[in-house]
C-alpha atoms as a PDB file:
ATOM      1  CA  MET A   1      39.241 122.869 -21.387  1.00  0.00           C
ATOM      2  CA  ALA A   2      41.736 120.166 -22.262  1.00  0.00           C
ATOM      3  CA  GLY A   3      44.617 122.306 -21.009  1.00  0.00           C
ATOM      4  CA  GLU A   4      46.832 121.516 -23.989  1.00  0.00           C
ATOM      5  CA  ARG A   5      49.182 123.568 -26.095  1.00  0.00           C
ATOM      6  CA  ILE A   6      50.224 122.398 -29.537  1.00  0.00           C
ATOM      7  CA  VAL A   7      53.687 123.703 -30.369  1.00  0.00           C
ATOM      8  CA  GLY A   8      54.804 123.838 -33.975  1.00  0.00           C
ATOM      9  CA  ARG A   9      53.209 123.516 -37.378  1.00  0.00           C
ATOM     10  CA  GLY A  10      53.983 119.802 -37.710  1.00  0.00           C
ATOM     11  CA  ASN A  11      52.278 118.953 -34.416  1.00  0.00           C
ATOM     12  CA  PHE A  12      49.214 121.024 -35.336  1.00  0.00           C
ATOM     13  CA  VAL A  13      48.877 119.234 -38.670  1.00  0.00           C
ATOM     14  CA  SER A  14      49.398 115.830 -36.998  1.00  0.00           C
ATOM     15  CA  VAL A  15      46.757 116.442 -34.307  1.00  0.00           C
ATOM     16  CA  ASN A  16      44.198 117.328 -36.978  1.00  0.00           C
ATOM     17  CA  ALA A  17      45.251 114.476 -39.289  1.00  0.00           C
ATOM     18  CA  GLU A  18      44.933 111.896 -36.495  1.00  0.00           C
ATOM     19  CA  TYR A  19      41.536 113.162 -35.285  1.00  0.00           C
ATOM     20  CA  PRO A  20      39.036 110.266 -35.289  1.00  0.00           C
ATOM     21  CA  GLN A  21      37.031 109.945 -38.494  1.00  0.00           C
ATOM     22  CA  GLY A  22      33.417 110.998 -38.811  1.00  0.00           C
ATOM     23  CA  TRP A  23      33.805 114.764 -38.498  1.00  0.00           C
ATOM     24  CA  SER A  24      33.550 117.733 -40.791  1.00  0.00           C
ATOM     25  CA  ILE A  25      33.836 121.510 -40.383  1.00  0.00           C
ATOM     26  CA  ASN A  26      31.176 124.047 -41.309  1.00  0.00           C
ATOM     27  CA  VAL A  27      32.468 127.623 -41.251  1.00  0.00           C
ATOM     28  CA  LEU A  28      29.727 129.854 -39.833  1.00  0.00           C
ATOM     29  CA  ARG A  29      31.548 133.186 -39.782  1.00  0.00           C
ATOM     30  CA  THR A  30      35.014 134.707 -40.207  1.00  0.00           C
ATOM     31  CA  VAL A  31      35.989 138.256 -39.250  1.00  0.00           C
ATOM     32  CA  ALA A  32      39.393 139.807 -39.951  1.00  0.00           C
ATOM     33  CA  ASP A  33      40.833 142.999 -38.494  1.00  0.00           C
ATOM     34  CA  GLY A  34      44.471 143.593 -39.340  1.00  0.00           C
ATOM     35  CA  GLU A  35      46.522 140.661 -38.043  1.00  0.00           C
ATOM     36  CA  VAL A  36      43.607 139.255 -36.049  1.00  0.00           C
ATOM     37  CA  VAL A  37      41.249 136.701 -37.610  1.00  0.00           C
ATOM     38  CA  VAL A  38      38.321 135.205 -35.694  1.00  0.00           C
ATOM     39  CA  SER A  39      36.284 132.276 -36.968  1.00  0.00           C
ATOM     40  CA  GLU A  40      33.225 130.492 -35.626  1.00  0.00           C
ATOM     41  CA  VAL A  41      32.791 126.941 -36.877  1.00  0.00           C
ATOM     42  CA  GLU A  42      30.512 124.004 -36.257  1.00  0.00           C
ATOM     43  CA  VAL A  43      32.083 120.546 -36.038  1.00  0.00           C
ATOM     44  CA  PRO A  44      29.514 117.742 -36.249  1.00  0.00           C
ATOM     45  CA  HIS A  45      30.831 114.284 -35.370  1.00  0.00           C
ATOM     46  CA  ASP A  46      29.027 110.991 -35.975  1.00  0.00           C
ATOM     47  CA  THR A  47      29.717 109.710 -32.438  1.00  0.00           C
ATOM     48  CA  TRP A  48      30.509 112.742 -30.264  1.00  0.00           C
ATOM     49  CA  GLY A  49      27.766 115.116 -31.396  1.00  0.00           C
ATOM     50  CA  VAL A  50      27.948 118.720 -32.540  1.00  0.00           C
ATOM     51  CA  HIS A  51      30.612 121.099 -31.269  1.00  0.00           C
ATOM     52  CA  ARG A  52      30.944 124.838 -31.751  1.00  0.00           C
ATOM     53  CA  VAL A  53      34.421 126.305 -31.935  1.00  0.00           C
ATOM     54  CA  VAL A  54      35.772 129.849 -31.815  1.00  0.00           C
ATOM     55  CA  LEU A  55      39.223 130.207 -33.337  1.00  0.00           C
ATOM     56  CA  LEU A  56      41.436 133.229 -32.691  1.00  0.00           C
ATOM     57  CA  TRP A  57      44.372 133.600 -35.082  1.00  0.00           C
ATOM     58  CA  THR A  58      47.216 136.052 -35.484  1.00  0.00           C
ATOM     59  CA  VAL A  59      48.318 136.184 -39.128  1.00  0.00           C
ATOM     60  CA  ARG A  60      51.549 137.813 -40.321  1.00  0.00           C
ATOM     61  CA  ASP A  61      52.857 137.785 -43.875  1.00  0.00           C
ATOM     62  CA  GLY A  62      50.101 135.333 -44.852  1.00  0.00           C
ATOM     63  CA  LYS A  63      51.050 132.772 -42.167  1.00  0.00           C
ATOM     64  CA  ILE A  64      49.334 131.874 -38.920  1.00  0.00           C
ATOM     65  CA  VAL A  65      51.812 132.662 -36.149  1.00  0.00           C
ATOM     66  CA  VAL A  66      49.567 132.256 -33.090  1.00  0.00           C
ATOM     67  CA  GLY A  67      46.263 130.442 -32.671  1.00  0.00           C
ATOM     68  CA  ARG A  68      43.828 129.667 -29.896  1.00  0.00           C
ATOM     69  CA  GLU A  69      40.656 127.564 -30.033  1.00  0.00           C
ATOM     70  CA  TYR A  70      37.719 127.337 -27.658  1.00  0.00           C
ATOM     71  CA  TRP A  71      35.471 124.272 -28.043  1.00  0.00           C
ATOM     72  CA  THR A  72      32.073 123.544 -26.562  1.00  0.00           C
ATOM     73  CA  GLU A  73      29.517 120.829 -27.129  1.00  0.00           C
ATOM     74  CA  LEU A  74      26.031 122.116 -27.899  1.00  0.00           C
ATOM     75  CA  GLY A  75      23.745 121.572 -24.930  1.00  0.00           C
ATOM     76  CA  SER A  76      26.582 120.453 -22.648  1.00  0.00           C
ATOM     77  CA  ASP A  77      25.932 123.166 -20.076  1.00  0.00           C
ATOM     78  CA  PRO A  78      22.548 122.944 -18.389  1.00  0.00           C
ATOM     79  CA  SER A  79      20.383 126.040 -18.694  1.00  0.00           C
ATOM     80  CA  PRO A  80      19.563 127.374 -15.214  1.00  0.00           C
ATOM     81  CA  GLU A  81      15.869 127.698 -14.423  1.00  0.00           C
ATOM     82  CA  TRP A  82      16.206 131.330 -13.270  1.00  0.00           C
ATOM     83  CA  ARG A  83      16.836 132.373 -16.905  1.00  0.00           C
ATOM     84  CA  ALA A  84      13.770 130.592 -18.319  1.00  0.00           C
ATOM     85  CA  ALA A  85      11.681 133.794 -18.415  1.00  0.00           C
ATOM     86  CA  PHE A  86      14.357 135.633 -20.408  1.00  0.00           C
ATOM     87  CA  VAL A  87      15.501 133.106 -23.030  1.00  0.00           C
ATOM     88  CA  GLN A  88      14.273 130.793 -25.743  1.00  0.00           C
ATOM     89  CA  ARG A  89      15.646 127.282 -25.483  1.00  0.00           C
ATOM     90  CA  VAL A  90      17.046 125.742 -28.669  1.00  0.00           C
END
């Protein structure tokens, strides 16, 4: 976790606009329940590999008022050997 908080719409737009080139976003799934919207996306990057992201949004009056993102890089956590009998590696 980077331990960062982006405050304000302008800063959020700027962080995404300044992100290094070579990336795209593939939306895998979006679920909405009232004000809560959850999305799972894949973010492949030419240099940094493939990331999976879960985004948690609170939406009021058609505007995002709170958001939280959790990022992980595929394969970044080693799979412990004790689980080998119970899982299929991808």
